[in-house]
């Protein structure tokens, strides 16, 4: 069963409570999303590590309930 946009946002907000998060359903199927996450938690980390933190926040749902997630991560200006 696909992950809903609300479930995805809830998981991300739990992991990054300070973040600005924008989620877009790319295909309208609840299985392909784009997430833009701006969080101080990413400060000083390379982009790969930032994305690893996001995947860890999804607790194994990536590749199962969630098929595709295009990530854009950054720190606040």
PDB file of N, CA and C in Angstrom:
ATOM      1  N   UNK A   1       0.842  -1.184   0.000  1.00  0.00           N
ATOM      2  CA  UNK A   1       0.000   0.000   0.000  1.00  0.00           C
ATOM      3  C   UNK A   1       0.889   1.250   0.000  1.00  0.00           C
ATOM      4  N   UNK A   2       0.635   2.189  -0.903  1.00  0.00           N
ATOM      5  CA  UNK A   2       1.465   3.396  -0.973  1.00  0.00           C
ATOM      6  C   UNK A   2       1.370   4.252   0.290  1.00  0.00           C
ATOM      7  N   UNK A   3       2.374   5.055   0.490  1.00  0.00           N
ATOM      8  CA  UNK A   3       2.429   5.983   1.615  1.00  0.00           C
ATOM      9  C   UNK A   3       1.705   7.267   1.206  1.00  0.00           C
ATOM     10  N   UNK A   4       0.836   7.761   2.060  1.00  0.00           N
ATOM     11  CA  UNK A   4       0.133   9.002   1.731  1.00  0.00           C
ATOM     12  C   UNK A   4       1.053  10.198   1.962  1.00  0.00           C
ATOM     13  N   UNK A   5       0.686  11.299   1.358  1.00  0.00           N
ATOM     14  CA  UNK A   5       1.457  12.525   1.524  1.00  0.00           C
ATOM     15  C   UNK A   5       1.457  12.955   2.988  1.00  0.00           C
ATOM     16  N   UNK A   6       0.349  12.776   3.667  1.00  0.00           N
ATOM     17  CA  UNK A   6       0.246  13.127   5.092  1.00  0.00           C
ATOM     18  C   UNK A   6       1.186  12.253   5.922  1.00  0.00           C
ATOM     19  N   UNK A   7       1.236  10.957   5.637  1.00  0.00           N
ATOM     20  CA  UNK A   7       2.132  10.055   6.367  1.00  0.00           C
ATOM     21  C   UNK A   7       3.595  10.433   6.139  1.00  0.00           C
ATOM     22  N   UNK A   8       3.922  10.776   4.898  1.00  0.00           N
ATOM     23  CA  UNK A   8       5.286  11.179   4.581  1.00  0.00           C
ATOM     24  C   UNK A   8       5.654  12.445   5.338  1.00  0.00           C
ATOM     25  N   UNK A   9       4.779  13.430   5.295  1.00  0.00           N
ATOM     26  CA  UNK A   9       5.061  14.689   5.985  1.00  0.00           C
ATOM     27  C   UNK A   9       5.155  14.484   7.496  1.00  0.00           C
ATOM     28  N   UNK A  10       4.301  13.655   8.055  1.00  0.00           N
ATOM     29  CA  UNK A  10       4.333  13.377   9.491  1.00  0.00           C
ATOM     30  C   UNK A  10       5.666  12.758   9.893  1.00  0.00           C
ATOM     31  N   UNK A  11       6.146  11.786   9.122  1.00  0.00           N
ATOM     32  CA  UNK A  11       7.433  11.145   9.419  1.00  0.00           C
ATOM     33  C   UNK A  11       8.567  12.155   9.365  1.00  0.00           C
ATOM     34  N   UNK A  12       8.532  13.028   8.370  1.00  0.00           N
ATOM     35  CA  UNK A  12       9.588  14.022   8.228  1.00  0.00           C
ATOM     36  C   UNK A  12       9.527  15.072   9.335  1.00  0.00           C
ATOM     37  N   UNK A  13       8.335  15.486   9.713  1.00  0.00           N
ATOM     38  CA  UNK A  13       8.198  16.489  10.785  1.00  0.00           C
ATOM     39  C   UNK A  13       8.631  15.931  12.142  1.00  0.00           C
ATOM     40  N   UNK A  14       8.408  14.647  12.368  1.00  0.00           N
ATOM     41  CA  UNK A  14       8.867  14.033  13.612  1.00  0.00           C
ATOM     42  C   UNK A  14      10.392  14.059  13.696  1.00  0.00           C
ATOM     43  N   UNK A  15      11.046  13.827  12.571  1.00  0.00           N
ATOM     44  CA  UNK A  15      12.508  13.783  12.552  1.00  0.00           C
ATOM     45  C   UNK A  15      13.139  15.172  12.496  1.00  0.00           C
ATOM     46  N   UNK A  16      12.443  16.115  11.852  1.00  0.00           N
ATOM     47  CA  UNK A  16      12.971  17.460  11.656  1.00  0.00           C
ATOM     48  C   UNK A  16      11.928  18.488  12.075  1.00  0.00           C
ATOM     49  N   UNK A  17      11.692  18.622  13.390  1.00  0.00           N
ATOM     50  CA  UNK A  17      10.607  19.486  13.866  1.00  0.00           C
ATOM     51  C   UNK A  17      10.789  20.967  13.535  1.00  0.00           C
ATOM     52  N   UNK A  18      12.029  21.400  13.305  1.00  0.00           N
ATOM     53  CA  UNK A  18      12.294  22.801  12.989  1.00  0.00           C
ATOM     54  C   UNK A  18      12.159  23.101  11.495  1.00  0.00           C
ATOM     55  N   UNK A  19      11.962  22.093  10.695  1.00  0.00           N
ATOM     56  CA  UNK A  19      12.097  22.216   9.237  1.00  0.00           C
ATOM     57  C   UNK A  19      10.929  22.903   8.542  1.00  0.00           C
ATOM     58  N   UNK A  20      11.276  23.514   7.423  1.00  0.00           N
ATOM     59  CA  UNK A  20      10.290  23.935   6.440  1.00  0.00           C
ATOM     60  C   UNK A  20      10.216  22.760   5.464  1.00  0.00           C
ATOM     61  N   UNK A  21       9.030  22.206   5.287  1.00  0.00           N
ATOM     62  CA  UNK A  21       8.873  21.017   4.448  1.00  0.00           C
ATOM     63  C   UNK A  21       7.790  21.276   3.408  1.00  0.00           C
ATOM     64  N   UNK A  22       8.118  20.975   2.160  1.00  0.00           N
ATOM     65  CA  UNK A  22       7.144  21.054   1.072  1.00  0.00           C
ATOM     66  C   UNK A  22       7.184  19.729   0.329  1.00  0.00           C
ATOM     67  N   UNK A  23       6.021  19.130   0.159  1.00  0.00           N
ATOM     68  CA  UNK A  23       5.936  17.830  -0.508  1.00  0.00           C
ATOM     69  C   UNK A  23       5.012  17.946  -1.707  1.00  0.00           C
ATOM     70  N   UNK A  24       5.446  17.349  -2.806  1.00  0.00           N
ATOM     71  CA  UNK A  24       4.665  17.351  -4.038  1.00  0.00           C
ATOM     72  C   UNK A  24       4.512  15.911  -4.524  1.00  0.00           C
ATOM     73  N   UNK A  25       3.287  15.516  -4.836  1.00  0.00           N
ATOM     74  CA  UNK A  25       3.023  14.192  -5.413  1.00  0.00           C
ATOM     75  C   UNK A  25       3.276  14.311  -6.912  1.00  0.00           C
ATOM     76  N   UNK A  26       4.340  13.704  -7.387  1.00  0.00           N
ATOM     77  CA  UNK A  26       4.782  13.891  -8.764  1.00  0.00           C
ATOM     78  C   UNK A  26       3.928  13.171  -9.802  1.00  0.00           C
ATOM     79  N   UNK A  27       3.346  12.038  -9.434  1.00  0.00           N
ATOM     80  CA  UNK A  27       2.605  11.239 -10.407  1.00  0.00           C
ATOM     81  C   UNK A  27       1.130  11.089 -10.074  1.00  0.00           C
ATOM     82  N   UNK A  28       0.713  11.612  -8.922  1.00  0.00           N
ATOM     83  CA  UNK A  28      -0.682  11.473  -8.521  1.00  0.00           C
ATOM     84  C   UNK A  28      -1.049  10.075  -8.064  1.00  0.00           C
ATOM     85  N   UNK A  29      -0.020   9.256  -7.799  1.00  0.00           N
ATOM     86  CA  UNK A  29      -0.286   7.867  -7.421  1.00  0.00           C
ATOM     87  C   UNK A  29       0.074   7.540  -5.980  1.00  0.00           C
ATOM     88  N   UNK A  30       0.519   8.560  -5.212  1.00  0.00           N
ATOM     89  CA  UNK A  30       0.885   8.312  -3.817  1.00  0.00           C
ATOM     90  C   UNK A  30       2.133   7.471  -3.683  1.00  0.00           C
ATOM     91  N   UNK A  31       2.934   7.398  -4.727  1.00  0.00           N
ATOM     92  CA  UNK A  31       4.103   6.540  -4.721  1.00  0.00           C
ATOM     93  C   UNK A  31       5.370   7.249  -5.195  1.00  0.00           C
ATOM     94  N   UNK A  32       5.207   8.448  -5.750  1.00  0.00           N
ATOM     95  CA  UNK A  32       6.330   9.213  -6.287  1.00  0.00           C
ATOM     96  C   UNK A  32       6.212  10.661  -5.801  1.00  0.00           C
ATOM     97  N   UNK A  33       7.125  11.065  -4.919  1.00  0.00           N
ATOM     98  CA  UNK A  33       7.054  12.394  -4.318  1.00  0.00           C
ATOM     99  C   UNK A  33       8.346  13.174  -4.523  1.00  0.00           C
ATOM    100  N   UNK A  34       8.228  14.484  -4.375  1.00  0.00           N
ATOM    101  CA  UNK A  34       9.380  15.372  -4.241  1.00  0.00           C
ATOM    102  C   UNK A  34       9.235  16.035  -2.876  1.00  0.00           C
ATOM    103  N   UNK A  35      10.304  16.052  -2.118  1.00  0.00           N
ATOM    104  CA  UNK A  35      10.295  16.710  -0.809  1.00  0.00           C
ATOM    105  C   UNK A  35      11.419  17.734  -0.756  1.00  0.00           C
ATOM    106  N   UNK A  36      11.052  18.947  -0.371  1.00  0.00           N
ATOM    107  CA  UNK A  36      12.027  20.008  -0.125  1.00  0.00           C
ATOM    108  C   UNK A  36      12.055  20.220   1.390  1.00  0.00           C
ATOM    109  N   UNK A  37      13.217  20.027   1.976  1.00  0.00           N
ATOM    110  CA  UNK A  37      13.353  20.110   3.430  1.00  0.00           C
ATOM    111  C   UNK A  37      14.474  21.091   3.770  1.00  0.00           C
ATOM    112  N   UNK A  38      14.133  22.115   4.523  1.00  0.00           N
ATOM    113  CA  UNK A  38      15.112  23.100   4.981  1.00  0.00           C
ATOM    114  C   UNK A  38      15.187  22.953   6.498  1.00  0.00           C
ATOM    115  N   UNK A  39      16.347  22.523   6.991  1.00  0.00           N
ATOM    116  CA  UNK A  39      16.476  22.256   8.422  1.00  0.00           C
ATOM    117  C   UNK A  39      17.889  22.563   8.913  1.00  0.00           C
ATOM    118  N   UNK A  40      17.970  23.087  10.119  1.00  0.00           N
ATOM    119  CA  UNK A  40      19.264  23.329  10.755  1.00  0.00           C
ATOM    120  C   UNK A  40      19.996  22.013  11.027  1.00  0.00           C
ATOM    121  N   UNK A  41      19.277  20.903  11.065  1.00  0.00           N
ATOM    122  CA  UNK A  41      19.895  19.590  11.303  1.00  0.00           C
ATOM    123  C   UNK A  41      20.890  19.228  10.208  1.00  0.00           C
ATOM    124  N   UNK A  42      20.791  19.867   9.056  1.00  0.00           N
ATOM    125  CA  UNK A  42      21.675  19.568   7.932  1.00  0.00           C
ATOM    126  C   UNK A  42      22.953  20.410   7.929  1.00  0.00           C
ATOM    127  N   UNK A  43      23.057  21.347   8.860  1.00  0.00           N
ATOM    128  CA  UNK A  43      24.197  22.272   8.868  1.00  0.00           C
ATOM    129  C   UNK A  43      25.523  21.514   8.956  1.00  0.00           C
ATOM    130  N   UNK A  44      26.422  21.859   8.049  1.00  0.00           N
ATOM    131  CA  UNK A  44      27.753  21.279   8.040  1.00  0.00           C
ATOM    132  C   UNK A  44      27.850  19.884   7.456  1.00  0.00           C
ATOM    133  N   UNK A  45      26.735  19.328   7.011  1.00  0.00           N
ATOM    134  CA  UNK A  45      26.732  17.972   6.472  1.00  0.00           C
ATOM    135  C   UNK A  45      26.738  17.989   4.948  1.00  0.00           C
ATOM    136  N   UNK A  46      27.475  17.053   4.345  1.00  0.00           N
ATOM    137  CA  UNK A  46      27.408  16.960   2.888  1.00  0.00           C
ATOM    138  C   UNK A  46      26.013  16.480   2.460  1.00  0.00           C
ATOM    139  N   UNK A  47      25.659  16.765   1.235  1.00  0.00           N
ATOM    140  CA  UNK A  47      24.326  16.435   0.741  1.00  0.00           C
ATOM    141  C   UNK A  47      23.992  14.948   0.901  1.00  0.00           C
ATOM    142  N   UNK A  48      24.957  14.088   0.673  1.00  0.00           N
ATOM    143  CA  UNK A  48      24.711  12.645   0.817  1.00  0.00           C
ATOM    144  C   UNK A  48      24.278  12.324   2.246  1.00  0.00           C
ATOM    145  N   UNK A  49      24.956  12.895   3.224  1.00  0.00           N
ATOM    146  CA  UNK A  49      24.610  12.642   4.635  1.00  0.00           C
ATOM    147  C   UNK A  49      23.245  13.232   4.962  1.00  0.00           C
ATOM    148  N   UNK A  50      22.919  14.397   4.398  1.00  0.00           N
ATOM    149  CA  UNK A  50      21.599  14.994   4.602  1.00  0.00           C
ATOM    150  C   UNK A  50      20.516  14.034   4.120  1.00  0.00           C
ATOM    151  N   UNK A  51      20.719  13.474   2.947  1.00  0.00           N
ATOM    152  CA  UNK A  51      19.732  12.552   2.387  1.00  0.00           C
ATOM    153  C   UNK A  51      19.650  11.265   3.207  1.00  0.00           C
ATOM    154  N   UNK A  52      20.779  10.814   3.724  1.00  0.00           N
ATOM    155  CA  UNK A  52      20.768   9.628   4.591  1.00  0.00           C
ATOM    156  C   UNK A  52      19.920   9.865   5.836  1.00  0.00           C
ATOM    157  N   UNK A  53      19.995  11.080   6.389  1.00  0.00           N
ATOM    158  CA  UNK A  53      19.169  11.406   7.560  1.00  0.00           C
ATOM    159  C   UNK A  53      17.682  11.350   7.212  1.00  0.00           C
ATOM    160  N   UNK A  54      17.338  11.822   6.017  1.00  0.00           N
ATOM    161  CA  UNK A  54      15.935  11.777   5.582  1.00  0.00           C
ATOM    162  C   UNK A  54      15.479  10.327   5.429  1.00  0.00           C
ATOM    163  N   UNK A  55      16.291   9.514   4.771  1.00  0.00           N
ATOM    164  CA  UNK A  55      15.920   8.099   4.590  1.00  0.00           C
ATOM    165  C   UNK A  55      15.787   7.392   5.936  1.00  0.00           C
ATOM    166  N   UNK A  56      16.665   7.714   6.884  1.00  0.00           N
ATOM    167  CA  UNK A  56      16.588   7.118   8.222  1.00  0.00           C
ATOM    168  C   UNK A  56      15.282   7.518   8.905  1.00  0.00           C
ATOM    169  N   UNK A  57      14.834   8.754   8.667  1.00  0.00           N
ATOM    170  CA  UNK A  57      13.576   9.224   9.267  1.00  0.00           C
ATOM    171  C   UNK A  57      12.374   8.450   8.735  1.00  0.00           C
ATOM    172  N   UNK A  58      12.514   7.874   7.550  1.00  0.00           N
ATOM    173  CA  UNK A  58      11.402   7.115   6.953  1.00  0.00           C
ATOM    174  C   UNK A  58      11.338   5.685   7.471  1.00  0.00           C
ATOM    175  N   UNK A  59      12.278   5.302   8.291  1.00  0.00           N
ATOM    176  CA  UNK A  59      12.263   4.030   9.023  1.00  0.00           C
ATOM    177  C   UNK A  59      11.982   2.822   8.131  1.00  0.00           C
ATOM    178  N   UNK A  60      12.740   2.693   7.054  1.00  0.00           N
ATOM    179  CA  UNK A  60      12.633   1.512   6.203  1.00  0.00           C
ATOM    180  C   UNK A  60      11.490   1.514   5.209  1.00  0.00           C
ATOM    181  N   UNK A  61      10.728   2.586   5.140  1.00  0.00           N
ATOM    182  CA  UNK A  61       9.591   2.624   4.224  1.00  0.00           C
ATOM    183  C   UNK A  61      10.002   2.926   2.787  1.00  0.00           C
ATOM    184  N   UNK A  62      11.198   3.492   2.612  1.00  0.00           N
ATOM    185  CA  UNK A  62      11.695   3.797   1.275  1.00  0.00           C
ATOM    186  C   UNK A  62      11.963   2.488   0.541  1.00  0.00           C
ATOM    187  N   UNK A  63      11.434   2.378  -0.662  1.00  0.00           N
ATOM    188  CA  UNK A  63      11.599   1.154  -1.434  1.00  0.00           C
ATOM    189  C   UNK A  63      10.483   0.146  -1.186  1.00  0.00           C
ATOM    190  N   UNK A  64       9.659   0.400  -0.188  1.00  0.00           N
ATOM    191  CA  UNK A  64       8.517  -0.465   0.102  1.00  0.00           C
ATOM    192  C   UNK A  64       7.238   0.329  -0.098  1.00  0.00           C
ATOM    193  N   UNK A  65       6.786   0.976   0.975  1.00  0.00           N
ATOM    194  CA  UNK A  65       5.583   1.810   0.895  1.00  0.00           C
ATOM    195  C   UNK A  65       5.803   3.030   0.015  1.00  0.00           C
ATOM    196  N   UNK A  66       7.042   3.471  -0.060  1.00  0.00           N
ATOM    197  CA  UNK A  66       7.384   4.666  -0.826  1.00  0.00           C
ATOM    198  C   UNK A  66       8.373   4.265  -1.908  1.00  0.00           C
ATOM    199  N   UNK A  67       7.939   4.364  -3.149  1.00  0.00           N
ATOM    200  CA  UNK A  67       8.759   3.897  -4.268  1.00  0.00           C
ATOM    201  C   UNK A  67       9.835   4.901  -4.670  1.00  0.00           C
ATOM    202  N   UNK A  68       9.463   6.186  -4.787  1.00  0.00           N
ATOM    203  CA  UNK A  68      10.416   7.178  -5.262  1.00  0.00           C
ATOM    204  C   UNK A  68      10.263   8.487  -4.487  1.00  0.00           C
ATOM    205  N   UNK A  69      11.399   9.048  -4.118  1.00  0.00           N
ATOM    206  CA  UNK A  69      11.408  10.317  -3.393  1.00  0.00           C
ATOM    207  C   UNK A  69      12.556  11.170  -3.913  1.00  0.00           C
ATOM    208  N   UNK A  70      12.229  12.223  -4.622  1.00  0.00           N
ATOM    209  CA  UNK A  70      13.232  13.188  -5.074  1.00  0.00           C
ATOM    210  C   UNK A  70      13.453  14.169  -3.929  1.00  0.00           C
ATOM    211  N   UNK A  71      14.685  14.296  -3.485  1.00  0.00           N
ATOM    212  CA  UNK A  71      14.993  15.122  -2.318  1.00  0.00           C
ATOM    213  C   UNK A  71      15.743  16.381  -2.693  1.00  0.00           C
ATOM    214  N   UNK A  72      15.348  17.465  -2.039  1.00  0.00           N
ATOM    215  CA  UNK A  72      16.083  18.712  -2.064  1.00  0.00           C
ATOM    216  C   UNK A  72      16.232  19.118  -0.601  1.00  0.00           C
ATOM    217  N   UNK A  73      17.466  19.078  -0.108  1.00  0.00           N
ATOM    218  CA  UNK A  73      17.704  19.437   1.286  1.00  0.00           C
ATOM    219  C   UNK A  73      18.635  20.642   1.359  1.00  0.00           C
ATOM    220  N   UNK A  74      18.440  21.450   2.395  1.00  0.00           N
ATOM    221  CA  UNK A  74      19.300  22.610   2.605  1.00  0.00           C
ATOM    222  C   UNK A  74      19.155  23.096   4.036  1.00  0.00           C
ATOM    223  N   UNK A  75      20.041  24.027   4.408  1.00  0.00           N
ATOM    224  CA  UNK A  75      19.969  24.653   5.723  1.00  0.00           C
ATOM    225  C   UNK A  75      19.299  26.016   5.574  1.00  0.00           C
ATOM    226  N   UNK A  76      18.725  26.549   6.656  1.00  0.00           N
ATOM    227  CA  UNK A  76      18.111  27.872   6.580  1.00  0.00           C
ATOM    228  C   UNK A  76      19.154  28.933   6.200  1.00  0.00           C
ATOM    229  N   UNK A  77      18.690  29.938   5.486  1.00  0.00           N
ATOM    230  CA  UNK A  77      19.599  31.023   5.057  1.00  0.00           C
ATOM    231  C   UNK A  77      20.030  31.880   6.222  1.00  0.00           C
TER     232      UNK A  77
END
